[in-house]
Amino acid sequence: MSFDKTFRALSDRTRRDILRLLRSGDLSAGEIAQHFVMTKPSISHHLNTLKEAGLVTDERQGQNIIYSLNTSVFEDTLAWVMTALRQEEE
């Protein structure tokens, strides 16, 4: 896992909003796109960035690609942040 990719992915509000949507459950790219006023290629770019960072996984189901949160990356990132904060206090 690359923390650089993770933090770059999290730096964008649209991508954070997509992650919030996925907290409620898995969604197709089309279902995600319905929540935004932007082109489907733009949504696809954001989803690919999240996927490259390991924050989401995707699975083809028929003609749809279903996206899910990858919570283990969040846990690893949070652990890293907490360790970094503790080191600053010392």
Protein backbone atom coordinates (compact mmCIF):
# COMPACT_ATOMS: atom_id res chain seq x y z
CA MET A 1 0.00 0.00 0.00
CA SER A 2 1.24 3.47 -0.86
CA PHE A 3 0.32 6.16 1.64
CA ASP A 4 1.12 8.76 -1.02
CA LYS A 5 -1.61 7.36 -3.26
CA THR A 6 -3.98 7.03 -0.32
CA PHE A 7 -3.57 10.60 0.84
CA ARG A 8 -3.72 11.92 -2.73
CA ALA A 9 -7.00 10.06 -3.24
CA LEU A 10 -8.39 11.39 0.05
CA SER A 11 -7.39 14.97 -0.78
CA ASP A 12 -10.26 15.35 -3.25
CA ARG A 13 -13.75 16.17 -1.95
CA THR A 14 -15.55 14.20 -4.65
CA ARG A 15 -13.59 11.08 -3.79
CA ARG A 16 -14.30 11.55 -0.09
CA ASP A 17 -18.00 11.89 -0.97
CA ILE A 18 -17.85 8.66 -2.97
CA LEU A 19 -16.32 6.89 0.02
CA ARG A 20 -19.12 8.23 2.24
CA LEU A 21 -21.69 6.81 -0.18
CA LEU A 22 -20.00 3.42 -0.11
CA ARG A 23 -20.17 3.31 3.70
CA SER A 24 -23.85 2.44 3.27
CA GLY A 25 -23.09 -0.48 0.98
CA ASP A 26 -21.81 -1.53 -2.40
CA LEU A 27 -22.86 0.53 -5.42
CA SER A 28 -22.48 0.37 -9.17
CA ALA A 29 -20.67 3.15 -11.00
CA GLY A 30 -24.03 4.33 -12.35
CA GLU A 31 -25.56 4.49 -8.87
CA ILE A 32 -22.57 6.50 -7.66
CA ALA A 33 -22.79 8.85 -10.66
CA GLN A 34 -26.44 9.67 -9.84
CA HIS A 35 -25.23 11.56 -6.75
CA PHE A 36 -23.00 13.97 -8.69
CA VAL A 37 -23.36 16.64 -11.34
CA MET A 38 -20.44 15.57 -13.52
CA THR A 39 -19.77 13.35 -16.48
CA LYS A 40 -19.52 9.60 -16.15
CA PRO A 41 -15.90 9.69 -17.39
CA SER A 42 -15.10 12.07 -14.50
CA ILE A 43 -16.72 9.68 -12.02
CA SER A 44 -14.77 6.84 -13.60
CA HIS A 45 -11.53 8.79 -13.12
CA HIS A 46 -12.32 9.30 -9.42
CA LEU A 47 -13.21 5.63 -8.98
CA ASN A 48 -9.97 4.56 -10.67
CA THR A 49 -7.97 6.85 -8.37
CA LEU A 50 -9.70 5.33 -5.33
CA LYS A 51 -9.07 1.85 -6.69
CA GLU A 52 -5.36 2.56 -7.36
CA ALA A 53 -5.05 3.79 -3.78
CA GLY A 54 -6.63 0.57 -2.55
CA LEU A 55 -9.53 2.41 -0.92
CA VAL A 56 -12.17 0.63 -3.01
CA THR A 57 -12.42 -2.70 -4.75
CA ASP A 58 -14.49 -3.49 -7.80
CA GLU A 59 -16.20 -6.60 -9.08
CA ARG A 60 -17.93 -7.12 -12.38
CA GLN A 61 -21.52 -8.37 -12.03
CA GLY A 62 -22.99 -8.80 -15.49
CA GLN A 63 -22.78 -5.45 -17.26
CA ASN A 64 -22.16 -3.52 -14.03
CA ILE A 65 -19.05 -2.93 -12.00
CA ILE A 66 -19.85 -2.90 -8.30
CA TYR A 67 -17.63 -0.85 -5.98
CA SER A 68 -17.01 -1.63 -2.30
CA LEU A 69 -15.00 0.00 0.46
CA ASN A 70 -11.70 -1.63 1.35
CA THR A 71 -11.77 -0.97 5.07
CA SER A 72 -8.38 -2.58 5.75
CA VAL A 73 -6.65 0.31 3.94
CA PHE A 74 -8.51 2.78 6.15
CA GLU A 75 -7.40 0.86 9.22
CA ASP A 76 -3.76 0.82 8.06
CA THR A 77 -3.86 4.54 7.24
CA LEU A 78 -5.43 5.41 10.59
CA ALA A 79 -2.81 3.33 12.41
CA TRP A 80 -0.06 5.18 10.54
CA VAL A 81 -1.57 8.59 11.39
CA MET A 82 -1.94 7.67 15.07
CA THR A 83 1.68 6.49 15.21
CA ALA A 84 2.86 9.69 13.54
CA LEU A 85 0.89 11.81 16.02
CA ARG A 86 2.32 9.93 19.00
CA GLN A 87 5.84 10.48 17.69
CA GLU A 88 5.20 14.21 17.42
CA GLU A 89 4.15 14.33 21.08
CA GLU A 90 7.33 12.66 22.28
